[in-house]
N, C-alpha and C. Protein backbone atom coordinates (compact mmCIF):
# COMPACT_ATOMS: atom_id res chain seq x y z
N SER A 1 -27.99 -14.23 -5.07
CA SER A 1 -27.90 -14.11 -5.96
C SER A 1 -26.57 -14.90 -6.38
N ALA A 2 -25.62 -15.22 -7.36
CA ALA A 2 -24.59 -15.88 -7.76
C ALA A 2 -22.94 -15.29 -8.01
N SER A 3 -23.98 -13.75 -8.34
CA SER A 3 -22.86 -12.45 -8.48
C SER A 3 -22.04 -12.28 -7.27
N ILE A 4 -22.70 -12.52 -6.37
CA ILE A 4 -22.23 -11.32 -4.95
C ILE A 4 -22.04 -12.31 -4.29
N ILE A 5 -21.19 -11.94 -3.13
CA ILE A 5 -20.29 -12.37 -2.37
C ILE A 5 -20.60 -12.48 -1.23
N LYS A 6 -21.01 -12.69 0.21
CA LYS A 6 -21.74 -12.87 1.47
C LYS A 6 -20.48 -12.86 2.34
N LEU A 7 -19.99 -11.65 2.87
CA LEU A 7 -19.35 -11.48 3.81
C LEU A 7 -19.45 -11.26 5.34
N ASN A 8 -18.96 -11.95 6.37
CA ASN A 8 -19.86 -12.34 7.83
C ASN A 8 -18.68 -11.90 8.28
N SER A 9 -17.69 -11.40 8.30
CA SER A 9 -16.26 -11.39 9.60
C SER A 9 -15.63 -10.44 8.70
N ILE A 10 -14.39 -9.58 9.28
CA ILE A 10 -12.75 -9.53 9.21
C ILE A 10 -12.13 -10.50 7.89
N ASP A 11 -12.43 -11.38 9.40
CA ASP A 11 -11.44 -12.71 8.29
C ASP A 11 -12.06 -12.34 6.49
N ASP A 12 -13.33 -12.82 5.98
CA ASP A 12 -14.44 -12.49 5.31
C ASP A 12 -13.34 -11.62 4.73
N TYR A 13 -13.53 -10.52 4.70
CA TYR A 13 -12.74 -8.91 4.17
C TYR A 13 -11.43 -9.44 3.76
N HIS A 14 -10.81 -10.18 5.00
CA HIS A 14 -8.96 -10.29 4.73
C HIS A 14 -9.21 -10.51 3.23
N ARG A 15 -10.00 -11.92 3.50
CA ARG A 15 -9.56 -13.25 2.08
C ARG A 15 -10.47 -13.15 1.01
N HIS A 16 -11.71 -12.19 0.68
CA HIS A 16 -12.32 -12.06 -0.43
C HIS A 16 -11.62 -10.33 -1.00
N VAL A 17 -11.12 -9.31 -0.18
CA VAL A 17 -11.11 -8.42 -0.08
C VAL A 17 -10.05 -7.94 -0.70
N LEU A 18 -8.91 -7.96 0.76
CA LEU A 18 -7.59 -7.28 0.59
C LEU A 18 -6.36 -8.46 -0.09
N GLN A 19 -7.14 -10.06 -0.29
CA GLN A 19 -5.92 -10.40 -1.21
C GLN A 19 -6.50 -10.77 -2.28
N SER A 20 -7.16 -9.69 -2.84
CA SER A 20 -7.52 -9.38 -4.18
C SER A 20 -7.27 -8.32 -4.94
N PRO A 21 -6.15 -7.39 -4.73
CA PRO A 21 -5.81 -5.94 -4.84
C PRO A 21 -6.05 -5.49 -6.20
N ASP A 22 -5.89 -6.45 -7.26
CA ASP A 22 -5.73 -6.50 -8.50
C ASP A 22 -7.63 -6.14 -9.30
N LYS A 23 -8.32 -6.50 -8.30
CA LYS A 23 -10.25 -5.99 -8.83
C LYS A 23 -10.37 -5.66 -8.01
N LEU A 24 -11.52 -4.50 -8.97
CA LEU A 24 -12.63 -3.33 -7.87
C LEU A 24 -13.64 -4.52 -7.31
N HIS A 25 -13.71 -3.79 -6.14
CA HIS A 25 -14.61 -4.45 -4.89
C HIS A 25 -15.98 -3.26 -5.10
N VAL A 26 -17.21 -4.27 -5.00
CA VAL A 26 -18.13 -2.97 -4.52
C VAL A 26 -19.33 -4.17 -3.30
N ILE A 27 -18.98 -3.49 -2.32
CA ILE A 27 -19.38 -3.48 -1.06
C ILE A 27 -20.81 -2.82 -0.69
N ARG A 28 -21.80 -3.77 -0.69
CA ARG A 28 -22.46 -2.99 -0.40
C ARG A 28 -23.38 -3.72 1.75
N PHE A 29 -23.62 -3.50 2.08
CA PHE A 29 -23.44 -2.87 3.65
C PHE A 29 -25.11 -2.65 3.73
N SER A 30 -26.09 -3.38 4.44
CA SER A 30 -28.01 -3.34 4.85
C SER A 30 -28.26 -4.23 5.46
N ALA A 31 -29.70 -3.65 6.06
CA ALA A 31 -29.78 -4.69 7.30
C ALA A 31 -31.27 -4.93 7.02
N PRO A 32 -32.17 -5.54 7.73
CA PRO A 32 -32.95 -6.47 7.42
C PRO A 32 -34.33 -5.55 7.88
N TRP A 33 -33.59 -4.15 8.93
CA TRP A 33 -34.80 -3.58 9.18
C TRP A 33 -35.11 -2.53 8.50
N CYS A 34 -33.99 -2.11 7.67
CA CYS A 34 -34.08 -1.20 6.73
C CYS A 34 -34.99 -1.22 5.73
N GLN A 35 -35.76 -0.16 5.90
CA GLN A 35 -36.97 -0.14 4.39
C GLN A 35 -36.50 -0.09 2.93
N VAL A 36 -35.41 0.79 3.23
CA VAL A 36 -34.65 1.06 1.83
C VAL A 36 -33.83 0.12 1.25
N CYS A 37 -32.85 -0.14 2.30
CA CYS A 37 -32.30 -1.83 1.80
C CYS A 37 -33.29 -2.89 1.18
N ARG A 38 -34.31 -2.86 1.87
CA ARG A 38 -35.47 -3.67 1.21
C ARG A 38 -35.62 -3.35 0.13
N THR A 39 -36.01 -1.90 -0.42
CA THR A 39 -36.81 -1.82 -1.61
C THR A 39 -35.74 -1.71 -2.84
N THR A 40 -34.56 -1.46 -2.39
CA THR A 40 -33.04 -1.28 -3.45
C THR A 40 -32.64 -3.01 -3.60
N ASN A 41 -32.86 -3.65 -2.62
CA ASN A 41 -32.41 -5.18 -3.06
C ASN A 41 -31.78 -6.04 -4.57
N VAL A 42 -33.55 -5.83 -5.07
CA VAL A 42 -33.60 -6.04 -6.33
C VAL A 42 -33.19 -5.90 -7.35
N ALA A 43 -32.78 -4.36 -6.67
CA ALA A 43 -31.65 -2.99 -7.71
C ALA A 43 -30.28 -3.68 -7.66
N TRP A 44 -29.95 -4.27 -6.76
CA TRP A 44 -28.72 -4.46 -6.77
C TRP A 44 -27.97 -5.58 -6.89
N GLU A 45 -29.06 -6.56 -7.27
CA GLU A 45 -28.95 -8.03 -7.05
C GLU A 45 -28.29 -7.43 -8.68
N ARG A 46 -29.29 -7.03 -9.50
CA ARG A 46 -29.12 -6.99 -11.07
C ARG A 46 -28.32 -6.05 -11.99
N LEU A 47 -28.16 -5.10 -10.35
CA LEU A 47 -27.15 -4.54 -11.15
C LEU A 47 -25.57 -5.29 -11.24
N ALA A 48 -24.96 -6.23 -10.19
CA ALA A 48 -24.21 -7.07 -9.71
C ALA A 48 -24.31 -8.35 -10.64
N SER A 49 -25.82 -8.70 -11.78
CA SER A 49 -25.42 -9.58 -12.12
C SER A 49 -25.24 -9.00 -13.54
N ARG A 50 -25.82 -8.09 -13.40
CA ARG A 50 -25.15 -7.49 -15.07
C ARG A 50 -24.30 -6.63 -15.02
N VAL A 51 -23.26 -6.30 -14.44
CA VAL A 51 -22.23 -6.04 -14.56
C VAL A 51 -21.22 -6.86 -14.11
N SER A 52 -21.66 -8.11 -13.45
CA SER A 52 -20.56 -8.92 -13.38
C SER A 52 -20.65 -9.83 -14.79
N LYS A 53 -21.21 -9.84 -15.36
CA LYS A 53 -21.29 -10.13 -17.24
C LYS A 53 -20.67 -9.46 -17.74
N ALA A 54 -20.50 -7.91 -17.55
CA ALA A 54 -20.27 -7.53 -18.58
C ALA A 54 -18.40 -7.47 -18.33
N SER A 55 -18.42 -7.41 -17.13
CA SER A 55 -16.64 -7.52 -16.58
C SER A 55 -16.04 -8.62 -17.26
N SER A 56 -17.00 -10.02 -17.02
CA SER A 56 -16.69 -11.48 -17.37
C SER A 56 -16.16 -11.29 -19.16
N SER A 57 -16.98 -10.50 -19.74
CA SER A 57 -15.99 -10.73 -21.04
C SER A 57 -15.81 -9.30 -21.12
N ALA A 58 -15.09 -9.00 -20.23
CA ALA A 58 -13.62 -7.94 -20.92
C ALA A 58 -12.89 -8.11 -19.50
N ALA A 59 -13.23 -10.08 -19.62
CA ALA A 59 -11.60 -10.24 -18.94
C ALA A 59 -10.84 -10.56 -19.13
N SER A 60 -10.39 -10.03 -20.85
CA SER A 60 -9.05 -10.33 -21.07
C SER A 60 -8.60 -8.92 -20.61
N VAL A 61 -8.98 -8.09 -20.23
CA VAL A 61 -7.99 -6.71 -18.85
C VAL A 61 -8.16 -7.21 -17.74
N PRO A 62 -7.67 -8.46 -17.08
CA PRO A 62 -8.03 -8.92 -15.63
C PRO A 62 -8.47 -7.36 -15.07
N ALA A 63 -7.43 -6.10 -14.60
CA ALA A 63 -7.88 -5.51 -13.38
C ALA A 63 -9.58 -4.58 -13.94
N HIS A 64 -10.13 -5.33 -15.10
CA HIS A 64 -11.65 -4.84 -15.07
C HIS A 64 -12.84 -6.05 -14.98
N ARG A 65 -11.62 -6.78 -13.60
CA ARG A 65 -12.86 -7.86 -13.07
C ARG A 65 -13.24 -7.50 -12.10
N ILE A 66 -14.57 -7.21 -11.86
CA ILE A 66 -15.06 -6.46 -10.35
C ILE A 66 -16.00 -7.64 -9.66
N GLN A 67 -16.07 -7.48 -8.06
CA GLN A 67 -16.40 -8.55 -7.25
C GLN A 67 -17.48 -7.95 -6.31
N PHE A 68 -18.00 -8.02 -6.45
CA PHE A 68 -19.51 -7.76 -5.36
C PHE A 68 -19.28 -8.41 -4.05
N LEU A 69 -20.26 -7.68 -3.19
CA LEU A 69 -20.37 -8.76 -1.64
C LEU A 69 -21.31 -7.97 -1.20
N SER A 70 -21.28 -8.57 -0.26
CA SER A 70 -22.41 -8.17 0.59
C SER A 70 -22.54 -8.01 1.86
N VAL A 71 -22.86 -7.10 2.80
CA VAL A 71 -22.72 -7.02 4.39
C VAL A 71 -24.08 -7.17 5.36
N SER A 72 -24.59 -8.35 6.05
CA SER A 72 -26.04 -7.81 6.73
C SER A 72 -25.17 -7.87 7.88
N VAL A 73 -25.93 -6.23 8.14
CA VAL A 73 -26.00 -6.13 9.45
C VAL A 73 -26.92 -6.07 10.18
N ASP A 74 -27.40 -7.16 11.27
CA ASP A 74 -29.20 -7.85 11.06
C ASP A 74 -28.53 -7.15 13.11
N GLY A 75 -27.91 -7.41 13.38
CA GLY A 75 -27.72 -7.20 15.40
C GLY A 75 -27.11 -7.96 15.50
N LYS A 76 -27.17 -9.29 14.85
CA LYS A 76 -26.88 -10.57 16.04
C LYS A 76 -25.50 -10.76 16.20
N ASN A 77 -25.42 -11.02 14.19
CA ASN A 77 -23.68 -11.61 14.03
C ASN A 77 -23.27 -10.49 14.55
N GLU A 78 -21.98 -10.52 15.25
CA GLU A 78 -21.10 -9.53 15.92
C GLU A 78 -19.53 -9.65 15.11
N ASP A 79 -19.58 -10.55 13.90
CA ASP A 79 -18.19 -10.73 13.10
C ASP A 79 -19.02 -9.75 11.64
N ALA A 80 -20.00 -9.37 11.52
CA ALA A 80 -20.56 -8.68 10.45
C ALA A 80 -20.31 -7.33 11.58
N ALA A 81 -20.91 -7.26 12.79
CA ALA A 81 -20.69 -5.70 13.53
C ALA A 81 -19.24 -5.48 13.63
N ALA A 82 -18.35 -5.84 13.77
CA ALA A 82 -17.37 -5.61 13.76
C ALA A 82 -16.58 -4.92 12.57
N LEU A 83 -17.30 -6.03 11.64
CA LEU A 83 -16.65 -5.51 9.99
C LEU A 83 -17.27 -3.81 9.13
N LYS A 84 -18.05 -4.01 9.99
CA LYS A 84 -19.51 -2.16 9.66
C LYS A 84 -18.26 -1.31 10.56
N ASP A 85 -17.61 -1.65 11.92
CA ASP A 85 -17.20 -0.63 12.75
C ASP A 85 -15.53 -0.41 12.08
N MET A 86 -15.39 -1.65 11.60
CA MET A 86 -14.04 -1.48 11.37
C MET A 86 -13.77 -0.30 9.83
N LEU A 87 -14.65 -0.28 8.78
CA LEU A 87 -14.53 0.40 8.03
C LEU A 87 -15.34 1.14 8.40
N GLN A 88 -16.05 1.68 9.46
CA GLN A 88 -16.69 2.98 9.32
C GLN A 88 -17.72 3.35 8.77
N ILE A 89 -18.56 2.41 8.58
CA ILE A 89 -20.45 2.30 8.09
C ILE A 89 -21.28 3.07 8.87
N GLU A 90 -21.95 3.96 9.09
CA GLU A 90 -22.30 4.89 9.95
C GLU A 90 -24.08 4.48 9.86
N LYS A 91 -24.14 3.87 8.56
CA LYS A 91 -25.27 3.68 8.00
C LYS A 91 -26.07 2.84 7.37
N VAL A 92 -26.77 2.36 6.61
CA VAL A 92 -27.03 1.27 5.82
C VAL A 92 -28.45 1.93 5.27
N PRO A 93 -28.75 1.51 3.44
CA PRO A 93 -27.62 1.15 2.78
C PRO A 93 -26.21 2.10 2.20
N GLN A 94 -25.68 1.38 2.51
CA GLN A 94 -24.06 2.23 2.32
C GLN A 94 -22.76 1.13 1.82
N GLY A 95 -22.54 1.56 0.71
CA GLY A 95 -21.37 0.69 0.36
C GLY A 95 -19.78 1.40 -0.24
N ILE A 96 -19.11 0.40 -0.48
CA ILE A 96 -17.75 0.66 -0.19
C ILE A 96 -17.33 0.52 -1.71
N VAL A 97 -16.67 1.08 -2.54
CA VAL A 97 -15.70 0.77 -3.77
C VAL A 97 -14.56 0.76 -3.55
N HIS A 98 -13.47 -0.32 -3.75
CA HIS A 98 -12.53 -0.38 -3.28
C HIS A 98 -12.01 -1.11 -4.30
N HIS A 99 -10.00 0.09 -4.26
CA HIS A 99 -9.91 -1.08 -6.24
C HIS A 99 -8.43 -0.30 -5.61
N PRO A 100 -7.55 -0.80 -5.27
CA PRO A 100 -6.16 -0.59 -4.86
C PRO A 100 -5.21 -0.31 -5.92
N SER A 101 -5.49 -1.29 -6.46
CA SER A 101 -4.45 -0.44 -7.84
C SER A 101 -5.06 0.45 -9.00
N CYS A 102 -5.88 0.64 -8.62
CA CYS A 102 -6.32 2.26 -9.53
C CYS A 102 -6.71 3.31 -7.91
N GLY A 103 -5.99 2.51 -7.36
CA GLY A 103 -5.67 4.36 -6.09
C GLY A 103 -7.59 4.44 -5.51
N VAL A 104 -8.06 3.78 -5.27
CA VAL A 104 -9.57 3.74 -4.76
C VAL A 104 -9.46 2.95 -3.80
N PHE A 105 -9.86 4.14 -2.33
CA PHE A 105 -9.43 2.79 -1.30
C PHE A 105 -10.52 3.11 -0.31
N GLY A 106 -11.71 1.97 -0.24
CA GLY A 106 -12.61 2.21 0.74
C GLY A 106 -13.35 4.04 0.67
N ALA A 107 -13.63 3.65 -0.91
CA ALA A 107 -14.66 4.83 -0.98
C ALA A 107 -15.70 4.77 -0.47
N LYS A 108 -16.56 5.74 0.24
CA LYS A 108 -17.88 5.41 0.70
C LYS A 108 -19.18 6.08 -0.49
N VAL A 109 -20.37 5.25 -0.09
CA VAL A 109 -21.40 5.87 -1.71
C VAL A 109 -22.49 4.66 -0.57
N ASP A 110 -23.50 6.37 -1.08
CA ASP A 110 -25.05 5.63 -0.74
C ASP A 110 -25.58 5.14 -1.46
N MET A 111 -25.97 3.52 -1.22
CA MET A 111 -26.26 2.67 -1.55
C MET A 111 -28.15 2.87 -1.99
N HIS A 112 -28.45 4.76 -2.32
CA HIS A 112 -30.23 4.79 -2.62
C HIS A 112 -30.43 4.16 -4.08
N ARG A 113 -31.31 4.10 -4.66
CA ARG A 113 -31.68 3.85 -5.86
C ARG A 113 -31.27 4.88 -6.84
N THR A 114 -31.13 6.35 -6.85
CA THR A 114 -30.01 7.07 -7.65
C THR A 114 -29.19 6.67 -7.90
N ASN A 115 -28.23 6.67 -6.85
CA ASN A 115 -26.80 5.90 -6.96
C ASN A 115 -26.51 4.83 -7.74
N LEU A 116 -27.48 3.67 -7.32
CA LEU A 116 -26.86 2.64 -7.70
C LEU A 116 -27.22 2.58 -9.10
N GLY A 117 -28.14 3.40 -10.17
CA GLY A 117 -28.40 3.81 -10.69
C GLY A 117 -26.75 3.77 -11.71
N THR A 118 -26.32 5.40 -11.21
CA THR A 118 -25.38 6.17 -11.69
C THR A 118 -23.62 5.12 -11.72
N LEU A 119 -24.14 4.04 -10.06
CA LEU A 119 -23.34 3.57 -10.73
C LEU A 119 -22.89 1.69 -11.58
N ARG A 120 -24.43 1.50 -11.62
CA ARG A 120 -24.14 0.96 -12.62
C ARG A 120 -23.59 1.36 -14.20
N LYS A 121 -24.10 2.82 -14.65
CA LYS A 121 -23.74 3.18 -15.47
C LYS A 121 -21.71 3.27 -15.98
N ASN A 122 -21.26 3.67 -14.28
CA ASN A 122 -19.90 4.29 -13.96
C ASN A 122 -19.68 2.70 -14.44
N LEU A 123 -19.56 1.43 -13.68
CA LEU A 123 -19.02 0.32 -13.84
C LEU A 123 -19.55 -0.28 -15.08
N GLU A 124 -20.64 0.12 -15.80
CA GLU A 124 -20.41 0.00 -17.67
C GLU A 124 -19.53 0.02 -17.98
N ARG A 125 -19.64 1.35 -18.35
CA ARG A 125 -18.32 2.11 -18.59
C ARG A 125 -17.06 1.56 -18.49
N TYR A 126 -17.42 1.65 -17.14
CA TYR A 126 -15.85 1.12 -17.16
C TYR A 126 -14.72 -0.55 -17.54
N CYS A 127 -15.85 -1.33 -17.49
CA CYS A 127 -15.79 -2.68 -18.16
C CYS A 127 -15.43 -2.17 -19.94
N THR A 128 -15.56 -1.53 -20.49
CA THR A 128 -15.18 -1.39 -21.67
C THR A 128 -14.32 -0.52 -21.78
N TYR A 129 -13.32 0.12 -20.79
CA TYR A 129 -11.83 0.99 -20.94
C TYR A 129 -10.84 0.05 -21.28
N THR A 130 -10.30 0.70 -21.71
CA THR A 130 -9.21 -0.12 -22.67
C THR A 130 -7.55 0.17 -21.43
N ARG A 131 -6.99 -0.19 -21.56
CA ARG A 131 -5.59 0.23 -20.48
C ARG A 131 -4.48 0.85 -20.55
N ASP A 132 -5.16 2.03 -21.60
CA ASP A 132 -4.64 3.23 -21.95
C ASP A 132 -4.69 4.32 -21.20
N GLU A 133 -6.53 4.13 -20.95
CA GLU A 133 -7.20 5.08 -20.37
C GLU A 133 -7.41 4.66 -18.60
N ASP A 134 -6.52 3.62 -18.08
CA ASP A 134 -6.09 3.28 -16.41
C ASP A 134 -6.71 5.07 -15.53
N GLY A 135 -5.79 5.92 -16.24
CA GLY A 135 -5.89 6.70 -15.36
C GLY A 135 -6.89 8.20 -15.24
N LEU A 136 -7.95 7.86 -16.16
CA LEU A 136 -9.12 8.17 -15.92
C LEU A 136 -10.15 7.05 -15.01
N GLN A 137 -9.90 5.79 -15.16
CA GLN A 137 -10.69 5.54 -14.36
C GLN A 137 -11.13 5.48 -13.00
N ALA A 138 -10.31 6.12 -12.18
CA ALA A 138 -10.52 6.21 -10.75
C ALA A 138 -11.58 6.97 -10.25
N GLY A 139 -11.13 7.87 -11.13
CA GLY A 139 -12.42 9.49 -10.21
C GLY A 139 -13.57 8.51 -11.87
N MET A 140 -13.54 8.17 -12.59
CA MET A 140 -15.02 7.81 -13.13
C MET A 140 -15.70 6.66 -12.37
N LEU A 141 -14.66 5.65 -11.73
CA LEU A 141 -15.71 5.01 -10.90
C LEU A 141 -16.81 5.39 -9.74
N LEU A 142 -17.06 7.05 -9.30
CA LEU A 142 -17.54 7.72 -8.45
C LEU A 142 -17.75 9.04 -8.86
N ASP A 143 -18.10 9.59 -10.49
CA ASP A 143 -18.27 9.85 -11.28
C ASP A 143 -20.22 9.90 -11.22
N GLY A 144 -21.06 11.49 -10.62
CA GLY A 144 -22.25 11.33 -10.19
C GLY A 144 -22.23 11.02 -9.22
N LEU A 145 -21.79 10.21 -8.39
CA LEU A 145 -22.89 9.64 -6.86
C LEU A 145 -23.30 11.11 -5.78
N VAL A 146 -23.88 11.19 -5.64
CA VAL A 146 -24.44 11.69 -5.06
C VAL A 146 -24.70 11.72 -2.93
N GLY A 147 -24.18 11.95 -2.52
CA GLY A 147 -24.13 11.66 -0.85
C GLY A 147 -25.23 11.51 -0.66
């Protein structure tokens, strides 16, 4: 999907995530053998596409730019496995919500269907907030997500 950047290594992570501390990053780890990953692929792509549209229309507030990234852990790519280990991802589908300028550092989120729905609502709400309410946003991003 055009709105999702594929990460294959720790270098990719540094380039796309760590060098853009002003953006909100949502990273999903999945695996080809994982049934839940396969059944939620479409929901994840839809979420990324819908929220990216909302985010670009709110682009007058740079802090509201959202970047979606995905990592496929297939057991063959050692660089992707190294990234998974570095970020301490224990299972798939698991995600990370990372927004340094809002004080959210690598918060882990289970990416099952219920959470994807909640996350979409949180992100859409986040896109529509004004700068005055910045203090609320960090907590709101993770609001209602269940383990």
